[in-house]
Amino acid sequence: MSEHFHYPPDLFNLLVDTIPLLCKSKPDVLVFLQGAGVNDDELSEMRTRVRADKASVSKFQIVRDVLTKVNARGESGLRARREIIKRVTEFEEFSMCWENDVYKAKANVADIRKMVQVKDSFTRMKQERDIAHEESVARARTEKTALLEKRRKIEIVRDRLNALFGMDGEPQKRGKLLEGVLNDLFRAYGIHVKEDFKRIDLTGSVVVEQIDGVIEFESHTYLVEMKWLKDPVGVNELASHMMRLYARSDARGLFISTSEFTKPVIAECVTHSTNKLMVLSSLREFVMLLMSERDLLQMLRTKVRAASLDKKPYLEVLA
């Protein structure tokens, strides 16, 4: 039974009817209750009456008086209440009872066992519901905190991206900052990022290959190229990125540019799509996504699906 509840009326009355049947004498009743941990001050009145005049009080009156006091004690009476229940439900030596009381004592003890089991079951069910509710509340709180943190990171990325448009006099610095901004945007959406990937030669001193970023998106690895260009992306800009893809058997490509892609570039991506999937994206798509607070993951899924199924490597998703 729950540790936080006193004896309910039905159980209380059944205990009052049962304990006297388990004890032959009034002193035995007092010993039974004392052994269960009942305080002396709760037993003293009945003990005095029994000593003075046994006929003045019945075994049932003794149990009712003492259990009433124990039941009123709140948490401090918890141990005694539990021990009384334990002793009654575990009682098996009915030969110690008066012969005429044995049948009723057995029946009452059986009823108390069933009652305790039922109440225990309901208590466990309530505890399980409480635990489930607490877990749900904690999970919702965690999700809300994570969502707020995600929004905070996205807002920071948006502000950083907007600031890049005022750096016309520092094109190289702006291009490098763009890589960090977009990589942080990927991270905010839970996409694993390895930024500014470099491959060093065997001597360990020469960079033989450098990639703006590598992301893991829905079980696929994408090599990411990010360009801040004035003119449309031509085949020459695409070729170096495509070569990196062919050097890696399972890699896909994501090319992000501030400028448009020429028709030959799009045609090349279609031609190679059977062997190497290339997704083309304008920076404008990311700007619009941040302004409208849309889902980056959904935008990427739409673009990947268009490139792989519809042979459309450059599908601008602006809304």
Protein backbone atom coordinates (compact mmCIF):
# COMPACT_ATOMS: atom_id res chain seq x y z
CA MET A 1 0.00 0.00 0.00
CA SER A 2 1.10 3.56 -0.55
CA GLU A 3 3.21 4.96 2.26
CA HIS A 4 1.33 8.25 2.06
CA PHE A 5 -2.15 6.99 3.01
CA HIS A 6 -3.67 6.10 6.37
CA TYR A 7 -5.91 3.09 6.77
CA PRO A 8 -9.07 3.71 4.70
CA PRO A 9 -12.38 2.97 6.51
CA ASP A 10 -12.97 -0.47 4.98
CA LEU A 11 -9.51 -1.72 5.85
CA PHE A 12 -9.59 -0.06 9.27
CA ASN A 13 -12.83 -1.80 10.25
CA LEU A 14 -11.63 -5.14 8.93
CA LEU A 15 -8.47 -4.87 11.01
CA VAL A 16 -10.57 -4.05 14.10
CA ASP A 17 -12.64 -7.19 13.44
CA THR A 18 -9.61 -9.41 12.76
CA ILE A 19 -6.81 -8.65 15.22
CA PRO A 20 -8.91 -9.63 18.28
CA LEU A 21 -9.57 -13.02 16.62
CA LEU A 22 -5.84 -13.66 16.27
CA CYS A 23 -5.15 -13.05 19.97
CA LYS A 24 -6.75 -15.13 22.71
CA SER A 25 -6.50 -12.56 25.50
CA LYS A 26 -6.60 -8.81 25.93
CA PRO A 27 -2.95 -8.69 27.09
CA ASP A 28 -2.10 -10.68 23.93
CA VAL A 29 -3.77 -7.96 21.84
CA LEU A 30 -1.66 -5.30 23.53
CA VAL A 31 1.50 -7.38 23.01
CA PHE A 32 0.59 -7.86 19.32
CA LEU A 33 0.20 -4.10 18.82
CA GLN A 34 3.30 -3.27 20.85
CA GLY A 35 5.32 -5.75 18.77
CA ALA A 36 4.12 -3.96 15.63
CA GLY A 37 5.76 -0.75 16.84
CA VAL A 38 2.80 1.06 18.41
CA ASN A 39 4.00 3.74 20.89
CA ASP A 40 3.52 3.24 24.61
CA ASP A 41 1.50 6.46 24.90
CA GLU A 42 -1.02 5.03 22.42
CA LEU A 43 -1.25 1.79 24.42
CA SER A 44 -1.18 3.24 27.93
CA GLU A 45 -4.89 4.00 28.33
CA MET A 46 -6.03 0.53 27.27
CA ARG A 47 -3.22 -1.13 29.18
CA THR A 48 -4.32 0.68 32.37
CA ARG A 49 -7.95 -0.35 31.88
CA VAL A 50 -7.01 -3.98 31.29
CA ARG A 51 -4.91 -4.05 34.44
CA ALA A 52 -7.61 -2.37 36.51
CA ASP A 53 -10.60 -4.33 35.22
CA LYS A 54 -10.36 -6.67 32.24
CA ALA A 55 -14.13 -6.87 31.97
CA SER A 56 -14.42 -3.12 31.44
CA VAL A 57 -13.17 -3.27 27.87
CA SER A 58 -13.30 -5.79 25.01
CA LYS A 59 -10.51 -6.88 22.67
CA PHE A 60 -12.33 -5.11 19.81
CA GLN A 61 -12.52 -1.87 21.81
CA ILE A 62 -8.79 -2.07 22.52
CA VAL A 63 -7.91 -2.50 18.83
CA ARG A 64 -10.29 0.25 17.70
CA ASP A 65 -8.92 2.72 20.24
CA VAL A 66 -5.27 2.01 19.48
CA LEU A 67 -5.68 1.91 15.67
CA THR A 68 -7.57 5.20 15.78
CA LYS A 69 -4.62 6.81 17.54
CA VAL A 70 -2.07 5.22 15.17
CA ASN A 71 -4.14 6.22 12.16
CA ALA A 72 -4.26 9.84 13.36
CA ARG A 73 -0.49 10.12 13.69
CA GLY A 74 0.20 10.85 10.03
CA GLU A 75 3.65 10.11 8.70
CA SER A 76 5.03 9.37 12.18
CA GLY A 77 2.65 6.41 12.45
CA LEU A 78 3.57 5.01 9.07
CA ARG A 79 5.97 2.36 10.33
CA ALA A 80 3.49 0.96 12.86
CA ARG A 81 0.63 0.95 10.35
CA ARG A 82 2.72 -0.94 7.83
CA GLU A 83 3.95 -3.44 10.41
CA ILE A 84 0.41 -4.15 11.65
CA ILE A 85 -0.69 -4.89 8.08
CA LYS A 86 2.38 -7.06 7.53
CA ARG A 87 1.77 -9.11 10.68
CA VAL A 88 -1.90 -9.66 9.90
CA THR A 89 -1.40 -10.64 6.24
CA GLU A 90 1.48 -12.99 7.15
CA PHE A 91 -0.43 -14.63 10.02
CA GLU A 92 -0.57 -18.43 9.54
CA GLU A 93 -0.64 -20.08 13.00
CA PHE A 94 -4.40 -20.09 13.55
CA SER A 95 -4.09 -22.87 16.15
CA MET A 96 -3.28 -20.07 18.59
CA CYS A 97 -6.80 -18.64 18.12
CA TRP A 98 -9.92 -19.73 20.00
CA GLU A 99 -11.46 -22.69 18.21
CA ASN A 100 -14.68 -20.83 17.44
CA ASP A 101 -12.71 -17.93 15.92
CA VAL A 102 -10.45 -19.90 13.57
CA TYR A 103 -12.75 -19.95 10.52
CA LYS A 104 -13.64 -16.27 10.74
CA ALA A 105 -10.01 -15.32 11.43
CA LYS A 106 -8.84 -17.17 8.32
CA ALA A 107 -11.57 -15.58 6.21
CA ASN A 108 -10.80 -12.11 7.52
CA VAL A 109 -7.06 -12.47 6.97
CA ALA A 110 -7.74 -13.66 3.41
CA ASP A 111 -10.00 -10.65 2.82
CA ILE A 112 -7.34 -8.27 4.15
CA ARG A 113 -4.73 -9.86 1.87
CA LYS A 114 -6.98 -9.36 -1.17
CA MET A 115 -7.82 -5.82 -0.11
CA VAL A 116 -4.15 -4.94 0.33
CA GLN A 117 -3.25 -6.51 -3.02
CA VAL A 118 -5.98 -4.53 -4.80
CA LYS A 119 -5.00 -1.29 -3.09
CA ASP A 120 -1.34 -2.00 -3.86
CA SER A 121 -2.25 -2.55 -7.51
CA PHE A 122 -4.13 0.74 -7.73
CA THR A 123 -1.32 2.49 -5.89
CA ARG A 124 1.26 1.09 -8.31
CA MET A 125 -0.92 2.10 -11.25
CA LYS A 126 -1.18 5.61 -9.85
CA GLN A 127 2.56 5.73 -9.21
CA GLU A 128 3.22 4.54 -12.77
CA ARG A 129 0.86 7.19 -14.13
CA ASP A 130 2.57 9.82 -11.97
CA ILE A 131 5.99 8.71 -13.18
CA ALA A 132 4.81 8.71 -16.80
CA HIS A 133 3.35 12.19 -16.32
CA GLU A 134 6.55 13.46 -14.71
CA GLU A 135 8.61 11.97 -17.54
CA SER A 136 6.29 13.56 -20.10
CA VAL A 137 6.55 16.95 -18.39
CA ALA A 138 10.34 16.63 -18.18
CA ARG A 139 10.52 15.58 -21.82
CA ALA A 140 8.34 18.51 -22.87
CA ARG A 141 10.48 20.87 -20.79
CA THR A 142 13.66 19.50 -22.39
CA GLU A 143 12.16 19.76 -25.87
CA LYS A 144 11.05 23.33 -25.21
CA THR A 145 14.51 24.26 -23.95
CA ALA A 146 16.11 22.62 -26.98
CA LEU A 147 13.72 24.43 -29.31
CA LEU A 148 14.48 27.80 -27.71
CA GLU A 149 18.21 27.11 -27.95
CA LYS A 150 17.80 26.09 -31.60
CA ARG A 151 15.91 29.29 -32.38
CA ARG A 152 18.58 31.33 -30.60
CA LYS A 153 21.32 29.74 -32.70
CA ILE A 154 19.33 30.24 -35.92
CA GLU A 155 18.75 33.90 -35.10
CA ILE A 156 22.48 34.37 -34.55
CA VAL A 157 23.21 32.69 -37.90
CA ARG A 158 20.65 34.93 -39.61
CA ASP A 159 22.25 38.07 -38.18
CA ARG A 160 25.73 36.89 -39.14
CA LEU A 161 24.59 36.07 -42.68
CA ASN A 162 22.93 39.47 -43.09
CA ALA A 163 26.14 41.16 -41.96
CA LEU A 164 28.09 39.52 -44.81
CA PHE A 165 26.19 41.54 -47.42
CA GLY A 166 27.89 44.68 -46.13
CA MET A 167 31.42 43.33 -46.70
CA ASP A 168 31.86 44.09 -50.41
CA GLY A 169 35.34 45.47 -49.74
CA GLU A 170 36.56 42.22 -48.12
CA PRO A 171 35.61 39.43 -50.55
CA GLN A 172 38.10 36.83 -49.28
CA LYS A 173 37.21 37.37 -45.65
CA ARG A 174 33.50 37.31 -46.52
CA GLY A 175 33.89 34.03 -48.40
CA LYS A 176 35.59 32.40 -45.42
CA LEU A 177 33.00 33.74 -43.00
CA LEU A 178 30.23 32.38 -45.23
CA GLU A 179 31.57 28.85 -44.70
CA GLY A 180 31.35 29.22 -40.92
CA VAL A 181 27.87 30.77 -41.03
CA LEU A 182 26.37 27.98 -43.16
CA ASN A 183 28.14 25.25 -41.19
CA ASP A 184 26.68 26.67 -37.97
CA LEU A 185 23.26 26.71 -39.62
CA PHE A 186 23.62 23.01 -40.42
CA ARG A 187 24.63 22.32 -36.81
CA ALA A 188 21.61 24.22 -35.47
CA TYR A 189 19.41 21.70 -37.28
CA GLY A 190 21.31 18.72 -35.91
CA ILE A 191 23.29 18.00 -39.08
CA HIS A 192 26.74 16.64 -38.36
CA VAL A 193 29.38 18.97 -39.80
CA LYS A 194 33.09 18.69 -40.42
CA GLU A 195 34.09 22.11 -41.63
CA ASP A 196 37.10 23.26 -43.61
CA PHE A 197 38.19 19.70 -44.34
CA LYS A 198 41.83 19.44 -45.45
CA ARG A 199 43.73 16.46 -46.83
CA ILE A 200 47.48 16.56 -46.20
CA ASP A 201 50.16 14.74 -48.24
CA LEU A 202 52.27 11.94 -46.80
CA THR A 203 54.92 14.37 -45.60
CA GLY A 204 52.29 16.10 -43.46
CA SER A 205 53.30 19.53 -44.68
CA VAL A 206 51.41 20.13 -47.91
CA VAL A 207 47.64 20.58 -48.27
CA VAL A 208 46.70 18.62 -51.39
CA GLU A 209 42.97 19.12 -51.07
CA GLN A 210 40.67 21.48 -49.20
CA ILE A 211 36.88 21.23 -48.92
CA ASP A 212 34.69 23.98 -47.48
CA GLY A 213 32.67 21.52 -45.42
CA VAL A 214 31.44 17.96 -45.07
CA ILE A 215 27.97 17.17 -43.73
CA GLU A 216 26.11 13.98 -42.88
CA PHE A 217 22.48 14.23 -43.99
CA GLU A 218 20.08 11.29 -43.80
CA SER A 219 22.78 8.61 -44.00
CA HIS A 220 24.65 10.27 -46.87
CA THR A 221 27.91 12.21 -46.90
CA TYR A 222 27.86 15.50 -48.80
CA LEU A 223 30.96 17.46 -49.76
CA VAL A 224 29.95 21.11 -49.53
CA GLU A 225 31.30 23.90 -51.71
CA MET A 226 30.41 27.49 -50.85
CA LYS A 227 31.14 30.35 -53.23
CA TRP A 228 30.49 34.09 -53.06
CA LEU A 229 30.75 35.01 -56.76
CA LYS A 230 29.70 37.94 -58.91
CA ASP A 231 29.33 35.95 -62.12
CA PRO A 232 27.23 32.78 -62.62
CA VAL A 233 28.92 29.52 -61.68
CA GLY A 234 30.57 27.98 -64.74
CA VAL A 235 31.80 24.52 -65.60
CA ASN A 236 35.33 25.30 -64.38
CA GLU A 237 34.05 26.07 -60.84
CA LEU A 238 31.98 22.90 -60.89
CA ALA A 239 34.73 20.65 -62.26
CA SER A 240 37.03 20.80 -59.22
CA HIS A 241 34.17 19.95 -56.89
CA MET A 242 33.01 17.10 -59.14
CA MET A 243 36.54 15.67 -59.15
CA ARG A 244 36.48 15.51 -55.38
CA LEU A 245 33.23 13.52 -55.54
CA TYR A 246 34.63 10.99 -57.99
CA ALA A 247 37.60 10.49 -55.69
CA ARG A 248 35.17 9.22 -53.04
CA SER A 249 32.87 6.35 -53.89
CA ASP A 250 29.88 7.18 -51.71
CA ALA A 251 30.06 10.96 -51.54
CA ARG A 252 27.41 13.35 -52.83
CA GLY A 253 27.82 17.03 -53.57
CA LEU A 254 26.20 20.26 -52.37
CA PHE A 255 27.22 23.45 -54.15
CA ILE A 256 26.01 26.72 -52.60
CA SER A 257 26.56 29.95 -54.51
CA THR A 258 25.57 33.60 -54.21
CA SER A 259 25.25 33.76 -58.00
CA GLU A 260 23.22 31.71 -60.49
CA PHE A 261 24.33 28.47 -62.15
CA THR A 262 24.88 28.42 -65.92
CA LYS A 263 22.94 26.00 -68.09
CA PRO A 264 26.10 23.98 -68.91
CA VAL A 265 26.68 23.47 -65.17
CA ILE A 266 23.16 22.20 -64.66
CA ALA A 267 23.50 19.96 -67.73
CA GLU A 268 26.77 18.51 -66.39
CA CYS A 269 25.11 17.69 -63.07
CA VAL A 270 22.30 15.90 -64.88
CA THR A 271 24.78 13.96 -67.01
CA HIS A 272 26.72 12.74 -63.99
CA SER A 273 23.69 12.22 -61.73
CA THR A 274 23.63 8.47 -62.31
CA ASN A 275 27.07 8.14 -60.73
CA LYS A 276 27.34 11.28 -58.62
CA LEU A 277 24.47 13.23 -57.16
CA MET A 278 25.05 16.98 -57.11
CA VAL A 279 22.63 19.38 -55.42
CA LEU A 280 22.88 23.04 -56.46
CA SER A 281 21.63 25.76 -54.16
CA SER A 282 21.56 29.53 -54.19
CA LEU A 283 22.44 31.51 -51.10
CA ARG A 284 19.12 33.27 -51.67
CA GLU A 285 17.36 30.06 -50.63
CA PHE A 286 19.09 30.13 -47.25
CA VAL A 287 18.34 33.82 -46.77
CA MET A 288 14.64 33.28 -47.53
CA LEU A 289 14.55 30.21 -45.29
CA LEU A 290 15.91 32.21 -42.35
CA MET A 291 13.56 35.12 -42.99
CA SER A 292 10.46 32.89 -43.15
CA GLU A 293 11.68 30.58 -40.33
CA ARG A 294 11.15 27.46 -42.41
CA ASP A 295 12.72 24.04 -41.83
CA LEU A 296 16.18 23.54 -43.34
CA LEU A 297 15.84 19.75 -43.23
CA GLN A 298 12.64 19.84 -45.28
CA MET A 299 14.24 22.20 -47.80
CA LEU A 300 17.22 19.88 -48.23
CA ARG A 301 14.95 16.84 -48.60
CA THR A 302 13.00 18.61 -51.34
CA LYS A 303 16.17 19.55 -53.21
CA VAL A 304 17.76 16.09 -52.86
CA ARG A 305 14.55 14.43 -54.07
CA ALA A 306 14.41 16.75 -57.10
CA ALA A 307 18.05 16.04 -57.95
CA SER A 308 17.83 12.27 -57.56
CA LEU A 309 14.34 11.46 -58.84
CA ASP A 310 13.46 14.30 -61.18
CA LYS A 311 16.99 14.97 -62.49
CA LYS A 312 16.67 18.59 -61.41
CA PRO A 313 19.92 19.45 -59.59
CA TYR A 314 18.93 23.10 -59.31
CA LEU A 315 15.46 23.48 -57.88
CA GLU A 316 15.18 26.74 -55.96
CA VAL A 317 13.04 26.38 -52.84
CA LEU A 318 12.05 29.90 -51.81
CA ALA A 319 8.76 29.29 -50.03
